[in-house]
N, C-alpha and C. Protein backbone atom coordinates (compact mmCIF):
# COMPACT_ATOMS: atom_id res chain seq x y z
N MET A 1 -64.49 -152.00 45.42
CA MET A 1 -62.89 -152.25 44.91
C MET A 1 -62.65 -152.73 46.10
N SER A 2 -62.23 -153.94 46.28
CA SER A 2 -61.91 -154.70 47.46
C SER A 2 -59.99 -155.01 47.14
N SER A 3 -59.59 -154.62 46.14
CA SER A 3 -58.13 -154.82 45.97
C SER A 3 -57.63 -153.51 45.51
N ASN A 4 -56.62 -153.33 45.14
CA ASN A 4 -55.46 -152.28 44.37
C ASN A 4 -55.62 -152.04 43.18
N VAL A 5 -56.61 -152.94 42.35
CA VAL A 5 -57.11 -153.13 41.15
C VAL A 5 -58.56 -152.61 40.80
N ILE A 6 -58.42 -151.93 39.47
CA ILE A 6 -60.17 -151.32 39.14
C ILE A 6 -59.93 -152.09 38.00
N THR A 7 -61.38 -152.87 37.89
CA THR A 7 -61.66 -153.42 36.60
C THR A 7 -62.21 -152.45 35.72
N SER A 8 -62.51 -152.94 34.40
CA SER A 8 -63.24 -152.36 33.33
C SER A 8 -64.53 -151.86 34.17
N ASP A 9 -65.25 -153.14 34.31
CA ASP A 9 -66.61 -152.37 34.82
C ASP A 9 -66.66 -151.66 36.03
N GLU A 10 -65.73 -151.76 36.92
CA GLU A 10 -65.81 -150.75 38.20
C GLU A 10 -65.49 -149.65 37.56
N ARG A 11 -64.63 -149.27 36.72
CA ARG A 11 -64.33 -148.26 35.96
C ARG A 11 -65.54 -147.37 35.16
N GLN A 12 -66.24 -148.39 34.94
CA GLN A 12 -67.42 -147.81 34.09
C GLN A 12 -68.57 -147.51 35.40
N GLN A 13 -68.67 -147.95 36.18
CA GLN A 13 -69.46 -147.49 37.45
C GLN A 13 -69.28 -146.12 38.40
N ILE A 14 -67.48 -145.77 38.24
CA ILE A 14 -67.22 -144.87 38.82
C ILE A 14 -67.76 -143.78 37.86
N ARG A 15 -67.66 -144.05 36.34
CA ARG A 15 -67.87 -142.79 35.24
C ARG A 15 -69.30 -142.32 35.59
N ARG A 16 -70.06 -143.60 35.63
CA ARG A 16 -71.51 -143.19 35.93
C ARG A 16 -72.20 -142.52 36.81
N VAL A 17 -71.45 -142.72 38.10
CA VAL A 17 -71.35 -141.70 39.45
C VAL A 17 -71.05 -140.23 38.68
N LEU A 18 -69.94 -140.23 38.51
CA LEU A 18 -69.09 -138.92 38.15
C LEU A 18 -70.12 -138.11 37.08
N LEU A 19 -70.80 -138.94 36.08
CA LEU A 19 -71.52 -138.02 35.28
C LEU A 19 -73.00 -137.39 35.47
N THR A 20 -73.27 -138.26 36.91
CA THR A 20 -74.40 -137.97 37.11
C THR A 20 -74.88 -136.25 38.12
N GLY A 21 -73.44 -135.86 38.05
CA GLY A 21 -72.98 -134.72 38.53
C GLY A 21 -73.49 -134.13 39.97
N TYR A 22 -73.95 -135.48 40.62
CA TYR A 22 -73.86 -135.25 42.08
C TYR A 22 -73.17 -136.16 42.93
N LEU A 23 -72.57 -135.99 44.13
CA LEU A 23 -71.81 -136.77 45.21
C LEU A 23 -72.12 -136.48 46.45
N ASP A 24 -72.36 -137.34 47.30
CA ASP A 24 -72.85 -136.55 48.15
C ASP A 24 -71.49 -136.74 49.05
N ASP A 25 -71.33 -136.22 50.64
CA ASP A 25 -69.84 -136.49 51.10
C ASP A 25 -69.58 -137.34 51.41
N ASP A 26 -70.00 -138.56 51.38
CA ASP A 26 -69.58 -139.98 51.66
C ASP A 26 -68.75 -140.39 50.27
N GLU A 27 -69.64 -139.82 49.13
CA GLU A 27 -68.69 -140.45 47.96
C GLU A 27 -67.98 -139.57 47.50
N TYR A 28 -67.95 -138.16 47.88
CA TYR A 28 -66.88 -137.21 47.42
C TYR A 28 -65.70 -137.58 48.05
N ALA A 29 -65.61 -138.19 49.26
CA ALA A 29 -64.34 -138.50 49.90
C ALA A 29 -63.68 -140.01 49.32
N ILE A 30 -64.87 -140.74 48.86
CA ILE A 30 -64.46 -142.22 48.30
C ILE A 30 -63.78 -141.82 47.09
N MET A 31 -64.04 -140.93 46.52
CA MET A 31 -63.63 -140.66 44.88
C MET A 31 -62.54 -139.60 45.27
N LYS A 32 -62.13 -139.03 46.34
CA LYS A 32 -60.74 -138.44 46.50
C LYS A 32 -60.09 -139.17 46.81
N LYS A 33 -60.34 -139.68 47.77
CA LYS A 33 -59.15 -141.17 47.76
C LYS A 33 -58.84 -141.93 47.11
N LEU A 34 -59.76 -142.31 45.97
CA LEU A 34 -59.47 -143.32 44.65
C LEU A 34 -58.64 -142.39 44.04
N VAL A 35 -58.62 -141.19 43.53
CA VAL A 35 -57.91 -140.10 42.77
C VAL A 35 -56.58 -140.06 43.43
N ASP A 36 -56.53 -140.10 44.63
CA ASP A 36 -55.09 -139.84 45.24
C ASP A 36 -54.53 -141.03 45.35
N ARG A 37 -55.23 -142.61 45.43
CA ARG A 37 -54.04 -143.40 45.25
C ARG A 37 -53.78 -143.78 43.68
N VAL A 38 -54.92 -143.79 42.65
CA VAL A 38 -54.34 -143.79 41.63
C VAL A 38 -53.25 -143.13 41.24
N SER A 39 -53.13 -141.66 41.79
CA SER A 39 -51.99 -140.50 41.51
C SER A 39 -50.88 -141.24 41.87
N ARG A 40 -50.88 -141.96 43.04
CA ARG A 40 -49.70 -142.53 43.81
C ARG A 40 -48.95 -143.71 42.98
N GLY A 41 -50.33 -144.55 42.24
CA GLY A 41 -49.69 -145.69 41.87
C GLY A 41 -50.18 -146.87 42.61
N THR A 42 -50.79 -146.88 43.91
CA THR A 42 -51.26 -147.88 44.46
C THR A 42 -52.20 -148.42 44.47
N VAL A 43 -53.24 -147.98 43.31
CA VAL A 43 -54.24 -148.75 42.60
C VAL A 43 -54.03 -148.24 40.80
N LYS A 44 -54.32 -149.61 40.53
CA LYS A 44 -54.01 -149.55 38.93
C LYS A 44 -55.57 -149.83 38.24
N PHE A 45 -55.66 -149.24 36.73
CA PHE A 45 -56.88 -149.78 36.06
C PHE A 45 -56.47 -150.86 35.29
N VAL A 46 -56.99 -152.06 35.26
CA VAL A 46 -56.87 -153.17 34.31
C VAL A 46 -58.17 -153.31 33.36
N GLU A 47 -57.98 -153.68 32.22
CA GLU A 47 -58.95 -154.24 31.41
C GLU A 47 -59.17 -155.36 31.34
């Protein structure tokens, strides 16, 4: 993710990572930051 927009393809990649059931510490930190930014509205999902 190089901008404040997450594309449909990137969204599917995130979904696959989350469905595997395992995140290492770095992946967990990235997901936590992403969720925070989405909740604050600084990152948006686009189709």
